[in-house]
Structure formats: C-alpha cells, structure tokens
C-alpha cells in the first residue's frame, strides 16, 4: 500500500469521521440522540468553513456568560467600578447608633477586601460603633434566585443580594442566610482591625447618619476576567442584576437590547432568563455565539479585555478537562456544563497561523470528549 494511503488510513482511525468533514461525527451524535449546533468560521471574514445546524438554538449553559459579560463590559466600560457605601453618625472616634453598609452589587466583596475597607474606616477616625452592623439591601429587589433555576441540574445556585460577602459561601458551601454571613464577617474583621462594636440598641431618631466612606470594587475588566476564567455564576448574576438597576428581568432585557441594537441579534436569537447560564430556559445557537465573539474580537474599545477573560488551554492555572498538548496556547474559550449539556465557544489558531472562531453546543447524553474531538479536529 502506498505511504500516502497508509497515512490517510491512520488519520481516519485516529479521528473517526475526520476525513469526510463532519459526517462521521454527526452520525455518531444523531445515533446517540444528541442535539447539536456546531460551526467553525474564519475570524477575519466571518465565512462559515464547516458546520452543522449552526442556527439551532440549544441550552448553552455557561457559554451564556460570553453574551452577558460582553454586553455589560461594552455598556459600562472596563474601568467601571461598583460602590459599597458605609453610613454612620460619627462623633469624634465613635459612631452613635448603627454602622450601615449599603451594597450595589460588588461581586468581589471578600474578606481580604473588607480588611482594606476596615483600614480606610480607621484612617477616617472610626474606632468604636455603639450600635450594630446593619445592611442596606435596597439596591436590588427581593428576588434572590434567578428565573429558571428551579430546573437546573447544578447545586451552584447562589442567593444574590447587593451586599454579599465571600460569594455567599462559607467553608466552600453556599449559605442559605447570606445576611448572617455578611454581618458576622464584617463584625469580626472590624473587631480584628481594632474597631470596637458594642451592639447597644439606640433609637433611630437619636442618630443622624452621614456617608463615611465609599468603597470601590475592582474595575469591571478584572471582575469580568475573574467571572469568565472560573465561570463564577454568582459574580455574573450580581453584575446582571446591577446592570438591570436591581432586577433580573431588566438586566436580561438590557443584554438582549444590546445584542439587538449592536449586533442585529433579535429576541429569536438571544433567549435568556439569567446572565450566567444556570437556567435551562436559555437558548443560543452556534452562529449567535460566533457573532458575539467576532464582535468582541474586533471591538477596539473593550475587545482585548473580553478576549483576555477567556480560558487559555495550557500556560495558566485555570483547569480544563481537555488534555490535548497540541492545543496549548492555541485555544481561548468559554466552556459550559450542565447535566445533559456540554458546550464550548471561543477562538483557535490553526498550525499555519490562521485564526478561527468556533462554537459547539451539545444537548443530550453527551460528554466532554464529544466536544473536544471536534475542537481538536478543527485546531489540528
């Protein structure tokens, strides 16, 4: 047998379906009852190079974050910061009455950063609080859990309040009483920083609070990077509610309106009930994700920050389930996982240096191997 024929046979064995474009892979998906929407496009021209059912809208899981974070980043801008206000009636070094923390949705209000806040309060002369630590949660409505989360397969549905501490997690687990966690954490850190909390009740009329401090979140570019790199559902939903002026419906509507006005993607192309992808009521197609990604790549204003927020295979500590050394540093992506849902979208560079945008959405009895077989084929 000629050498060329031998090599072709070996290639076919290594990647079933590879030699005859997508036919073999598609047949295996259909045989197993897996729905799919997949496509590979040239990044420069947007020309479809290979794909099947690219307009089929499926459950996107966490690839939803590509749509929501780009809309928020583009609208609010990379340097945007969220504010946490501290209010109290300060006389000398003592706050008469309660010390009130008013949140606006800072998703990275962690113990480490609360220490910085405590240091700023001390620098402004606060050494004692006669009353209690109190929270002002008025920036968001009363809805703590997103629409569609009751049917999600993940146990990572976080309660979302505008003043939330440590992602509303304690000992690695989500808490059911996030306000207790916030008050206890704030009180402990303030005490350890040298601020006395007396917890004495005082009639509200006796106290005339003023704003003592405005504490800023890290810039939005850093929040989006953290949220997408580790696929942090809580962070994205905090940003989504803030984006909507305190409500999920308005936040989601602003994301949809952004996609419609800037990208020409109407309500039939962007079907969302949350920002993170926890809801199985969300629907996106491979083509829709590719359009958003191409727009971000070509966006001089916020594109670098958006692309940088994606995971890079190889060369950074973010864990991915794929173990293909040939993909190292050549794939930037956002993955998504729910029970019966495996998705990925992003950018890849071929061995000859050509840049592509891709999306793979699978719904059904699928696994990571089905997704990465296709991505590896396109990249190699």
Foldseek 3Di string as FASTA:
>chain_A
DDPVVVVVVVVCVVFPPLVVACVRLVVVCVVQVKDKAKFKAFLPPRHTPDTDNQFFWFQAFQLLLLLLLLLLCVVQHQQDKFKKWWKFFDDQQEGEAEIEIEFLLQQAQELVVLLVVLVVSVVLRHQEYQAAYYYDQVQADPQQFFPQLVPFQDPQTAGATRQFYPLCDDPRHHDPCRVVVRRVSNQVSNVVSRHYYNNDHDDPVVIDMDTPDMDIHGGSLVLLLVCQLQLRQSSQQSSLCSCQRHYQVSSLVSSQVSCCPPQVQHCVAWPDRGRRSRHRRTIHGWSSSQSSLSCLCPDPRCNVSSQSSFDFAADDDRDDPDDDVLQHRFWTWGWRDTVQWTKIWGWGAAPVGGIMTIIMIMGGPDDPVSVVSVVVSVRD
